[in-house]
Structure formats: structure tokens, C-alpha cells
Amino acid sequence: MPKQDKPKSSVPVGRYRQVEVSSLDRGRRGKHHDRIQGILKELATVGAGTALAIPLAEIDGIGLPNLRSAVHRGATAAGVEIDTLADEENLYVWATAK
């Protein structure tokens, strides 16, 4: 009986469980996820032509560029079109017409 070679792999076959890729959550959950979800949830309650004023002093050390990027990523993922503007004290976020 000829000797059979084992598969050339550094990981034994069957060591890890297999999952369907379609069942995986492919969304990004960054460290600001909860804050961004809160902003988007509140944004859904404001009327047209109204912006949220997010005080920069209350965002726990998140830089304005990072906050703005995170809000835009979250809005894009939620299918919401937004625009932003900032001054020395606040980041303003509002929904735009599609």
C-alpha cells in the first residue's frame, strides 16, 4: 500500500469552523460607531432645512476630520445623503435632497 502524503498546509484541515460568506456582516464597526449611529438617528428626526449642531468640545477628543469622515461613512452606509459644515465650536450636519 503506497504511503499517502498529507496536504501541505500549516493549519490542520478541519481545525476551524466554516461559515457562509453571505451570512457575515460586512459593515464596518469603528470605534465611533455608537456615536455616529446616534447622530444619524437624531438626524432622521429633524425637518428639512434644519441641521444638527454637534459641539466639538463634547466629542471626547475625536478630531474634526475624523468625526466628519465617520459621519459621512455612516450616512453612506445608511443610504442617507448629508452635507456638513464646521466652525470653531460645532460640526453641523443636515440631510440633503436625493
PDB file of N, CA and C in Angstrom:
ATOM      1  N   MET A   1       0.856  -1.168   0.000  1.00  0.00           N
ATOM      2  CA  MET A   1       0.000   0.000   0.000  1.00  0.00           C
ATOM      3  C   MET A   1       0.901   1.230   0.000  1.00  0.00           C
ATOM      4  N   PRO A   2       0.747   2.144  -0.975  1.00  0.00           N
ATOM      5  CA  PRO A   2       1.612   3.321  -1.034  1.00  0.00           C
ATOM      6  C   PRO A   2       1.277   4.302   0.085  1.00  0.00           C
ATOM      7  N   LYS A   3       2.307   4.959   0.559  1.00  0.00           N
ATOM      8  CA  LYS A   3       2.138   5.949   1.620  1.00  0.00           C
ATOM      9  C   LYS A   3       1.537   7.216   1.017  1.00  0.00           C
ATOM     10  N   GLN A   4       0.473   7.756   1.671  1.00  0.00           N
ATOM     11  CA  GLN A   4      -0.159   8.977   1.183  1.00  0.00           C
ATOM     12  C   GLN A   4       0.435  10.181   1.906  1.00  0.00           C
ATOM     13  N   ASP A   5       0.728  11.219   1.131  1.00  0.00           N
ATOM     14  CA  ASP A   5       1.243  12.453   1.727  1.00  0.00           C
ATOM     15  C   ASP A   5       0.085  13.269   2.290  1.00  0.00           C
ATOM     16  N   LYS A   6       0.345  13.908   3.417  1.00  0.00           N
ATOM     17  CA  LYS A   6      -0.639  14.811   3.999  1.00  0.00           C
ATOM     18  C   LYS A   6      -0.659  16.098   3.171  1.00  0.00           C
ATOM     19  N   PRO A   7      -1.794  16.786   3.161  1.00  0.00           N
ATOM     20  CA  PRO A   7      -1.830  18.063   2.442  1.00  0.00           C
ATOM     21  C   PRO A   7      -0.786  19.007   3.000  1.00  0.00           C
ATOM     22  N   LYS A   8      -0.169  19.774   2.142  1.00  0.00           N
ATOM     23  CA  LYS A   8       0.852  20.721   2.569  1.00  0.00           C
ATOM     24  C   LYS A   8       0.147  21.980   3.065  1.00  0.00           C
ATOM     25  N   SER A   9       0.022  22.061   4.358  1.00  0.00           N
ATOM     26  CA  SER A   9      -0.654  23.182   4.994  1.00  0.00           C
ATOM     27  C   SER A   9      -0.131  23.314   6.406  1.00  0.00           C
ATOM     28  N   SER A  10       0.017  24.556   6.869  1.00  0.00           N
ATOM     29  CA  SER A  10       0.462  24.756   8.236  1.00  0.00           C
ATOM     30  C   SER A  10      -0.708  24.679   9.214  1.00  0.00           C
ATOM     31  N   VAL A  11      -1.932  24.654   8.676  1.00  0.00           N
ATOM     32  CA  VAL A  11      -3.133  24.566   9.506  1.00  0.00           C
ATOM     33  C   VAL A  11      -3.808  23.236   9.223  1.00  0.00           C
ATOM     34  N   PRO A  12      -4.034  22.438  10.256  1.00  0.00           N
ATOM     35  CA  PRO A  12      -4.699  21.154  10.035  1.00  0.00           C
ATOM     36  C   PRO A  12      -6.102  21.346   9.429  1.00  0.00           C
ATOM     37  N   VAL A  13      -6.469  20.464   8.548  1.00  0.00           N
ATOM     38  CA  VAL A  13      -7.780  20.527   7.924  1.00  0.00           C
ATOM     39  C   VAL A  13      -8.844  20.274   8.980  1.00  0.00           C
ATOM     40  N   GLY A  14      -9.889  21.090   8.997  1.00  0.00           N
ATOM     41  CA  GLY A  14     -10.975  20.912   9.934  1.00  0.00           C
ATOM     42  C   GLY A  14     -10.775  21.553  11.293  1.00  0.00           C
ATOM     43  N   ARG A  15      -9.738  22.305  11.473  1.00  0.00           N
ATOM     44  CA  ARG A  15      -9.483  22.929  12.769  1.00  0.00           C
ATOM     45  C   ARG A  15     -10.436  24.088  13.043  1.00  0.00           C
ATOM     46  N   TYR A  16     -10.825  24.785  11.995  1.00  0.00           N
ATOM     47  CA  TYR A  16     -11.699  25.951  12.140  1.00  0.00           C
ATOM     48  C   TYR A  16     -13.058  25.659  11.545  1.00  0.00           C
ATOM     49  N   ARG A  17     -14.064  26.264  12.130  1.00  0.00           N
ATOM     50  CA  ARG A  17     -15.401  26.033  11.594  1.00  0.00           C
ATOM     51  C   ARG A  17     -15.595  26.856  10.337  1.00  0.00           C
ATOM     52  N   GLN A  18     -16.437  26.394   9.478  1.00  0.00           N
ATOM     53  CA  GLN A  18     -16.689  27.042   8.204  1.00  0.00           C
ATOM     54  C   GLN A  18     -18.019  27.782   8.273  1.00  0.00           C
ATOM     55  N   VAL A  19     -18.057  28.967   7.678  1.00  0.00           N
ATOM     56  CA  VAL A  19     -19.286  29.760   7.639  1.00  0.00           C
ATOM     57  C   VAL A  19     -19.505  30.268   6.226  1.00  0.00           C
ATOM     58  N   GLU A  20     -20.748  30.460   5.887  1.00  0.00           N
ATOM     59  CA  GLU A  20     -21.086  31.021   4.589  1.00  0.00           C
ATOM     60  C   GLU A  20     -20.728  32.504   4.575  1.00  0.00           C
ATOM     61  N   VAL A  21     -20.066  32.953   3.537  1.00  0.00           N
ATOM     62  CA  VAL A  21     -19.678  34.352   3.432  1.00  0.00           C
ATOM     63  C   VAL A  21     -20.910  35.250   3.415  1.00  0.00           C
ATOM     64  N   SER A  22     -21.977  34.786   2.808  1.00  0.00           N
ATOM     65  CA  SER A  22     -23.194  35.594   2.720  1.00  0.00           C
ATOM     66  C   SER A  22     -23.815  35.860   4.089  1.00  0.00           C
ATOM     67  N   SER A  23     -23.451  35.076   5.105  1.00  0.00           N
ATOM     68  CA  SER A  23     -24.011  35.277   6.440  1.00  0.00           C
ATOM     69  C   SER A  23     -23.187  36.254   7.278  1.00  0.00           C
ATOM     70  N   LEU A  24     -22.056  36.725   6.756  1.00  0.00           N
ATOM     71  CA  LEU A  24     -21.183  37.619   7.512  1.00  0.00           C
ATOM     72  C   LEU A  24     -21.642  39.065   7.396  1.00  0.00           C
ATOM     73  N   ASP A  25     -21.535  39.809   8.504  1.00  0.00           N
ATOM     74  CA  ASP A  25     -21.820  41.237   8.497  1.00  0.00           C
ATOM     75  C   ASP A  25     -20.590  41.928   7.924  1.00  0.00           C
ATOM     76  N   ARG A  26     -20.733  42.514   6.757  1.00  0.00           N
ATOM     77  CA  ARG A  26     -19.593  43.119   6.080  1.00  0.00           C
ATOM     78  C   ARG A  26     -19.438  44.597   6.411  1.00  0.00           C
ATOM     79  N   GLY A  27     -20.274  45.105   7.315  1.00  0.00           N
ATOM     80  CA  GLY A  27     -20.214  46.512   7.689  1.00  0.00           C
ATOM     81  C   GLY A  27     -19.026  46.808   8.592  1.00  0.00           C
ATOM     82  N   ARG A  28     -18.626  48.029   8.560  1.00  0.00           N
ATOM     83  CA  ARG A  28     -17.510  48.467   9.384  1.00  0.00           C
ATOM     84  C   ARG A  28     -18.052  48.940  10.724  1.00  0.00           C
ATOM     85  N   ARG A  29     -17.470  48.498  11.797  1.00  0.00           N
ATOM     86  CA  ARG A  29     -17.884  48.950  13.125  1.00  0.00           C
ATOM     87  C   ARG A  29     -16.654  49.555  13.795  1.00  0.00           C
ATOM     88  N   GLY A  30     -16.434  50.824  13.490  1.00  0.00           N
ATOM     89  CA  GLY A  30     -15.289  51.527  14.045  1.00  0.00           C
ATOM     90  C   GLY A  30     -15.534  51.946  15.482  1.00  0.00           C
ATOM     91  N   LYS A  31     -14.539  52.597  16.062  1.00  0.00           N
ATOM     92  CA  LYS A  31     -14.639  52.966  17.468  1.00  0.00           C
ATOM     93  C   LYS A  31     -15.648  54.069  17.734  1.00  0.00           C
ATOM     94  N   HIS A  32     -16.097  54.770  16.696  1.00  0.00           N
ATOM     95  CA  HIS A  32     -17.084  55.839  16.861  1.00  0.00           C
ATOM     96  C   HIS A  32     -18.480  55.395  16.431  1.00  0.00           C
ATOM     97  N   HIS A  33     -18.661  54.109  16.235  1.00  0.00           N
ATOM     98  CA  HIS A  33     -19.910  53.575  15.684  1.00  0.00           C
ATOM     99  C   HIS A  33     -21.142  54.032  16.465  1.00  0.00           C
ATOM    100  N   ASP A  34     -21.130  53.880  17.775  1.00  0.00           N
ATOM    101  CA  ASP A  34     -22.311  54.223  18.571  1.00  0.00           C
ATOM    102  C   ASP A  34     -22.636  55.709  18.480  1.00  0.00           C
ATOM    103  N   ARG A  35     -21.618  56.550  18.521  1.00  0.00           N
ATOM    104  CA  ARG A  35     -21.829  57.991  18.412  1.00  0.00           C
ATOM    105  C   ARG A  35     -22.426  58.344  17.046  1.00  0.00           C
ATOM    106  N   ILE A  36     -21.896  57.751  15.985  1.00  0.00           N
ATOM    107  CA  ILE A  36     -22.378  58.046  14.635  1.00  0.00           C
ATOM    108  C   ILE A  36     -23.809  57.568  14.467  1.00  0.00           C
ATOM    109  N   GLN A  37     -24.125  56.395  14.982  1.00  0.00           N
ATOM    110  CA  GLN A  37     -25.498  55.890  14.897  1.00  0.00           C
ATOM    111  C   GLN A  37     -26.455  56.823  15.624  1.00  0.00           C
ATOM    112  N   GLY A  38     -26.029  57.376  16.764  1.00  0.00           N
ATOM    113  CA  GLY A  38     -26.849  58.336  17.496  1.00  0.00           C
ATOM    114  C   GLY A  38     -27.089  59.603  16.700  1.00  0.00           C
ATOM    115  N   ILE A  39     -26.047  60.103  16.035  1.00  0.00           N
ATOM    116  CA  ILE A  39     -26.178  61.302  15.205  1.00  0.00           C
ATOM    117  C   ILE A  39     -27.153  61.042  14.063  1.00  0.00           C
ATOM    118  N   LEU A  40     -27.000  59.904  13.381  1.00  0.00           N
ATOM    119  CA  LEU A  40     -27.876  59.590  12.248  1.00  0.00           C
ATOM    120  C   LEU A  40     -29.322  59.378  12.693  1.00  0.00           C
ATOM    121  N   LYS A  41     -29.501  58.761  13.851  1.00  0.00           N
ATOM    122  CA  LYS A  41     -30.853  58.549  14.375  1.00  0.00           C
ATOM    123  C   LYS A  41     -31.512  59.894  14.684  1.00  0.00           C
ATOM    124  N   GLU A  42     -30.767  60.797  15.297  1.00  0.00           N
ATOM    125  CA  GLU A  42     -31.309  62.120  15.599  1.00  0.00           C
ATOM    126  C   GLU A  42     -31.531  62.933  14.333  1.00  0.00           C
ATOM    127  N   LEU A  43     -30.657  62.773  13.354  1.00  0.00           N
ATOM    128  CA  LEU A  43     -30.794  63.486  12.087  1.00  0.00           C
ATOM    129  C   LEU A  43     -32.096  63.120  11.382  1.00  0.00           C
ATOM    130  N   ALA A  44     -32.526  61.875  11.551  1.00  0.00           N
ATOM    131  CA  ALA A  44     -33.771  61.422  10.920  1.00  0.00           C
ATOM    132  C   ALA A  44     -34.994  62.118  11.514  1.00  0.00           C
ATOM    133  N   THR A  45     -34.856  62.732  12.686  1.00  0.00           N
ATOM    134  CA  THR A  45     -35.993  63.382  13.339  1.00  0.00           C
ATOM    135  C   THR A  45     -36.106  64.865  13.022  1.00  0.00           C
ATOM    136  N   VAL A  46     -35.090  65.471  12.441  1.00  0.00           N
ATOM    137  CA  VAL A  46     -35.129  66.911  12.170  1.00  0.00           C
ATOM    138  C   VAL A  46     -35.799  67.172  10.823  1.00  0.00           C
ATOM    139  N   GLY A  47     -36.401  68.318  10.722  1.00  0.00           N
ATOM    140  CA  GLY A  47     -37.104  68.680   9.496  1.00  0.00           C
ATOM    141  C   GLY A  47     -36.160  69.138   8.404  1.00  0.00           C
ATOM    142  N   ALA A  48     -36.716  69.252   7.208  1.00  0.00           N
ATOM    143  CA  ALA A  48     -35.940  69.728   6.060  1.00  0.00           C
ATOM    144  C   ALA A  48     -35.466  71.154   6.333  1.00  0.00           C
ATOM    145  N   GLY A  49     -34.261  71.444   5.940  1.00  0.00           N
ATOM    146  CA  GLY A  49     -33.709  72.774   6.140  1.00  0.00           C
ATOM    147  C   GLY A  49     -33.169  73.001   7.544  1.00  0.00           C
ATOM    148  N   THR A  50     -33.062  71.937   8.342  1.00  0.00           N
ATOM    149  CA  THR A  50     -32.565  72.037   9.710  1.00  0.00           C
ATOM    150  C   THR A  50     -31.315  71.179   9.857  1.00  0.00           C
ATOM    151  N   ALA A  51     -30.322  71.724  10.558  1.00  0.00           N
ATOM    152  CA  ALA A  51     -29.070  70.992  10.784  1.00  0.00           C
ATOM    153  C   ALA A  51     -28.922  70.666  12.255  1.00  0.00           C
ATOM    154  N   LEU A  52     -28.202  69.601  12.528  1.00  0.00           N
ATOM    155  CA  LEU A  52     -27.790  69.303  13.896  1.00  0.00           C
ATOM    156  C   LEU A  52     -26.493  70.058  14.162  1.00  0.00           C
ATOM    157  N   ALA A  53     -26.374  70.665  15.322  1.00  0.00           N
ATOM    158  CA  ALA A  53     -25.137  71.328  15.737  1.00  0.00           C
ATOM    159  C   ALA A  53     -24.476  70.426  16.769  1.00  0.00           C
ATOM    160  N   ILE A  54     -23.379  69.796  16.389  1.00  0.00           N
ATOM    161  CA  ILE A  54     -22.666  68.872  17.268  1.00  0.00           C
ATOM    162  C   ILE A  54     -21.483  69.616  17.871  1.00  0.00           C
ATOM    163  N   PRO A  55     -21.527  69.889  19.181  1.00  0.00           N
ATOM    164  CA  PRO A  55     -20.438  70.638  19.812  1.00  0.00           C
ATOM    165  C   PRO A  55     -19.122  69.858  19.768  1.00  0.00           C
ATOM    166  N   LEU A  56     -18.099  70.475  19.214  1.00  0.00           N
ATOM    167  CA  LEU A  56     -16.797  69.806  19.100  1.00  0.00           C
ATOM    168  C   LEU A  56     -16.176  69.564  20.466  1.00  0.00           C
ATOM    169  N   ALA A  57     -16.506  70.384  21.452  1.00  0.00           N
ATOM    170  CA  ALA A  57     -15.959  70.217  22.800  1.00  0.00           C
ATOM    171  C   ALA A  57     -16.513  68.972  23.488  1.00  0.00           C
ATOM    172  N   GLU A  58     -17.609  68.428  22.975  1.00  0.00           N
ATOM    173  CA  GLU A  58     -18.256  67.277  23.614  1.00  0.00           C
ATOM    174  C   GLU A  58     -18.047  65.953  22.880  1.00  0.00           C
ATOM    175  N   ILE A  59     -17.101  65.910  21.970  1.00  0.00           N
ATOM    176  CA  ILE A  59     -16.933  64.680  21.194  1.00  0.00           C
ATOM    177  C   ILE A  59     -15.751  63.837  21.658  1.00  0.00           C
ATOM    178  N   ASP A  60     -15.314  64.056  22.880  1.00  0.00           N
ATOM    179  CA  ASP A  60     -14.318  63.200  23.535  1.00  0.00           C
ATOM    180  C   ASP A  60     -13.022  63.030  22.750  1.00  0.00           C
ATOM    181  N   GLY A  61     -12.450  64.122  22.301  1.00  0.00           N
ATOM    182  CA  GLY A  61     -11.134  64.064  21.683  1.00  0.00           C
ATOM    183  C   GLY A  61     -11.087  63.560  20.254  1.00  0.00           C
ATOM    184  N   ILE A  62     -12.221  63.367  19.613  1.00  0.00           N
ATOM    185  CA  ILE A  62     -12.230  62.968  18.211  1.00  0.00           C
ATOM    186  C   ILE A  62     -11.956  64.225  17.396  1.00  0.00           C
ATOM    187  N   GLY A  63     -10.989  64.165  16.532  1.00  0.00           N
ATOM    188  CA  GLY A  63     -10.675  65.321  15.701  1.00  0.00           C
ATOM    189  C   GLY A  63     -11.783  65.583  14.689  1.00  0.00           C
ATOM    190  N   LEU A  64     -11.924  66.828  14.301  1.00  0.00           N
ATOM    191  CA  LEU A  64     -12.962  67.201  13.342  1.00  0.00           C
ATOM    192  C   LEU A  64     -12.876  66.392  12.046  1.00  0.00           C
ATOM    193  N   PRO A  65     -11.690  66.224  11.448  1.00  0.00           N
ATOM    194  CA  PRO A  65     -11.640  65.430  10.208  1.00  0.00           C
ATOM    195  C   PRO A  65     -12.118  63.989  10.402  1.00  0.00           C
ATOM    196  N   ASN A  66     -11.742  63.375  11.538  1.00  0.00           N
ATOM    197  CA  ASN A  66     -12.170  62.000  11.797  1.00  0.00           C
ATOM    198  C   ASN A  66     -13.666  61.910  12.044  1.00  0.00           C
ATOM    199  N   LEU A  67     -14.211  62.879  12.781  1.00  0.00           N
ATOM    200  CA  LEU A  67     -15.649  62.896  13.037  1.00  0.00           C
ATOM    201  C   LEU A  67     -16.424  63.083  11.747  1.00  0.00           C
ATOM    202  N   ARG A  68     -15.992  64.040  10.936  1.00  0.00           N
ATOM    203  CA  ARG A  68     -16.676  64.307   9.671  1.00  0.00           C
ATOM    204  C   ARG A  68     -16.633  63.073   8.766  1.00  0.00           C
ATOM    205  N   SER A  69     -15.479  62.418   8.680  1.00  0.00           N
ATOM    206  CA  SER A  69     -15.362  61.212   7.856  1.00  0.00           C
ATOM    207  C   SER A  69     -16.256  60.100   8.363  1.00  0.00           C
ATOM    208  N   ALA A  70     -16.280  59.929   9.685  1.00  0.00           N
ATOM    209  CA  ALA A  70     -17.103  58.874  10.266  1.00  0.00           C
ATOM    210  C   ALA A  70     -18.582  59.126  10.018  1.00  0.00           C
ATOM    211  N   VAL A  71     -19.013  60.375  10.139  1.00  0.00           N
ATOM    212  CA  VAL A  71     -20.421  60.709   9.877  1.00  0.00           C
ATOM    213  C   VAL A  71     -20.763  60.443   8.409  1.00  0.00           C
ATOM    214  N   HIS A  72     -19.891  60.827   7.507  1.00  0.00           N
ATOM    215  CA  HIS A  72     -20.144  60.583   6.075  1.00  0.00           C
ATOM    216  C   HIS A  72     -20.167  59.090   5.757  1.00  0.00           C
ATOM    217  N   ARG A  73     -19.250  58.305   6.330  1.00  0.00           N
ATOM    218  CA  ARG A  73     -19.254  56.854   6.099  1.00  0.00           C
ATOM    219  C   ARG A  73     -20.540  56.230   6.614  1.00  0.00           C
ATOM    220  N   GLY A  74     -20.948  56.623   7.820  1.00  0.00           N
ATOM    221  CA  GLY A  74     -22.174  56.084   8.396  1.00  0.00           C
ATOM    222  C   GLY A  74     -23.406  56.446   7.588  1.00  0.00           C
ATOM    223  N   ALA A  75     -23.465  57.693   7.127  1.00  0.00           N
ATOM    224  CA  ALA A  75     -24.603  58.136   6.323  1.00  0.00           C
ATOM    225  C   ALA A  75     -24.647  57.393   4.995  1.00  0.00           C
ATOM    226  N   THR A  76     -23.500  57.218   4.379  1.00  0.00           N
ATOM    227  CA  THR A  76     -23.444  56.480   3.114  1.00  0.00           C
ATOM    228  C   THR A  76     -23.922  55.050   3.303  1.00  0.00           C
ATOM    229  N   ALA A  77     -23.479  54.416   4.374  1.00  0.00           N
ATOM    230  CA  ALA A  77     -23.898  53.042   4.661  1.00  0.00           C
ATOM    231  C   ALA A  77     -25.398  52.957   4.921  1.00  0.00           C
ATOM    232  N   ALA A  78     -25.966  54.022   5.503  1.00  0.00           N
ATOM    233  CA  ALA A  78     -27.397  54.038   5.803  1.00  0.00           C
ATOM    234  C   ALA A  78     -28.231  54.518   4.621  1.00  0.00           C
ATOM    235  N   GLY A  79     -27.574  54.920   3.537  1.00  0.00           N
ATOM    236  CA  GLY A  79     -28.291  55.397   2.363  1.00  0.00           C
ATOM    237  C   GLY A  79     -28.847  56.805   2.525  1.00  0.00           C
ATOM    238  N   VAL A  80     -28.216  57.600   3.390  1.00  0.00           N
ATOM    239  CA  VAL A  80     -28.658  58.973   3.641  1.00  0.00           C
ATOM    240  C   VAL A  80     -27.638  59.927   3.044  1.00  0.00           C
ATOM    241  N   GLU A  81     -28.131  60.890   2.271  1.00  0.00           N
ATOM    242  CA  GLU A  81     -27.236  61.899   1.720  1.00  0.00           C
ATOM    243  C   GLU A  81     -27.187  63.070   2.678  1.00  0.00           C
ATOM    244  N   ILE A  82     -25.974  63.452   3.055  1.00  0.00           N
ATOM    245  CA  ILE A  82     -25.811  64.540   4.019  1.00  0.00           C
ATOM    246  C   ILE A  82     -24.822  65.563   3.499  1.00  0.00           C
ATOM    247  N   ASP A  83     -24.795  66.682   4.187  1.00  0.00           N
ATOM    248  CA  ASP A  83     -23.760  67.677   3.973  1.00  0.00           C
ATOM    249  C   ASP A  83     -23.320  68.148   5.346  1.00  0.00           C
ATOM    250  N   THR A  84     -22.120  68.681   5.440  1.00  0.00           N
ATOM    251  CA  THR A  84     -21.585  69.132   6.712  1.00  0.00           C
ATOM    252  C   THR A  84     -20.919  70.487   6.551  1.00  0.00           C
ATOM    253  N   LEU A  85     -20.825  71.185   7.655  1.00  0.00           N
ATOM    254  CA  LEU A  85     -20.125  72.461   7.728  1.00  0.00           C
ATOM    255  C   LEU A  85     -19.605  72.562   9.150  1.00  0.00           C
ATOM    256  N   ALA A  86     -18.467  73.197   9.339  1.00  0.00           N
ATOM    257  CA  ALA A  86     -17.913  73.309  10.688  1.00  0.00           C
ATOM    258  C   ALA A  86     -17.415  74.725  10.931  1.00  0.00           C
ATOM    259  N   ASP A  87     -17.505  75.137  12.184  1.00  0.00           N
ATOM    260  CA  ASP A  87     -16.855  76.359  12.626  1.00  0.00           C
ATOM    261  C   ASP A  87     -15.991  76.009  13.828  1.00  0.00           C
ATOM    262  N   GLU A  88     -15.570  76.977  14.591  1.00  0.00           N
ATOM    263  CA  GLU A  88     -14.674  76.704  15.714  1.00  0.00           C
ATOM    264  C   GLU A  88     -15.333  75.893  16.821  1.00  0.00           C
ATOM    265  N   GLU A  89     -16.665  75.945  16.915  1.00  0.00           N
ATOM    266  CA  GLU A  89     -17.364  75.322  18.033  1.00  0.00           C
ATOM    267  C   GLU A  89     -18.175  74.083  17.679  1.00  0.00           C
ATOM    268  N   ASN A  90     -18.689  73.993  16.460  1.00  0.00           N
ATOM    269  CA  ASN A  90     -19.644  72.939  16.106  1.00  0.00           C
ATOM    270  C   ASN A  90     -19.367  72.323  14.751  1.00  0.00           C
ATOM    271  N   LEU A  91     -19.814  71.081  14.611  1.00  0.00           N
ATOM    272  CA  LEU A  91     -19.944  70.427  13.311  1.00  0.00           C
ATOM    273  C   LEU A  91     -21.439  70.408  13.035  1.00  0.00           C
ATOM    274  N   TYR A  92     -21.833  70.963  11.908  1.00  0.00           N
ATOM    275  CA  TYR A  92     -23.236  70.996  11.522  1.00  0.00           C
ATOM    276  C   TYR A  92     -23.477  69.905  10.478  1.00  0.00           C
ATOM    277  N   VAL A  93     -24.528  69.133  10.674  1.00  0.00           N
ATOM    278  CA  VAL A  93     -24.867  68.026   9.778  1.00  0.00           C
ATOM    279  C   VAL A  93     -26.331  68.150   9.404  1.00  0.00           C
ATOM    280  N   TRP A  94     -26.635  68.043   8.103  1.00  0.00           N
ATOM    281  CA  TRP A  94     -28.012  68.063   7.657  1.00  0.00           C
ATOM    282  C   TRP A  94     -28.197  67.138   6.471  1.00  0.00           C
ATOM    283  N   ALA A  95     -29.420  66.657   6.330  1.00  0.00           N
ATOM    284  CA  ALA A  95     -29.760  65.777   5.209  1.00  0.00           C
ATOM    285  C   ALA A  95     -30.007  66.631   3.982  1.00  0.00           C
ATOM    286  N   THR A  96     -29.568  66.137   2.841  1.00  0.00           N
ATOM    287  CA  THR A  96     -29.801  66.827   1.579  1.00  0.00           C
ATOM    288  C   THR A  96     -30.813  66.042   0.772  1.00  0.00           C
ATOM    289  N   ALA A  97     -31.438  66.709  -0.174  1.00  0.00           N
ATOM    290  CA  ALA A  97     -32.425  66.047  -1.027  1.00  0.00           C
ATOM    291  C   ALA A  97     -31.715  65.112  -1.985  1.00  0.00           C
ATOM    292  N   LYS A  98     -32.331  63.948  -2.219  1.00  0.00           N
ATOM    293  CA  LYS A  98     -31.737  62.969  -3.143  1.00  0.00           C
ATOM    294  C   LYS A  98     -32.017  63.367  -4.572  1.00  0.00           C
TER     295      LYS A  98
END
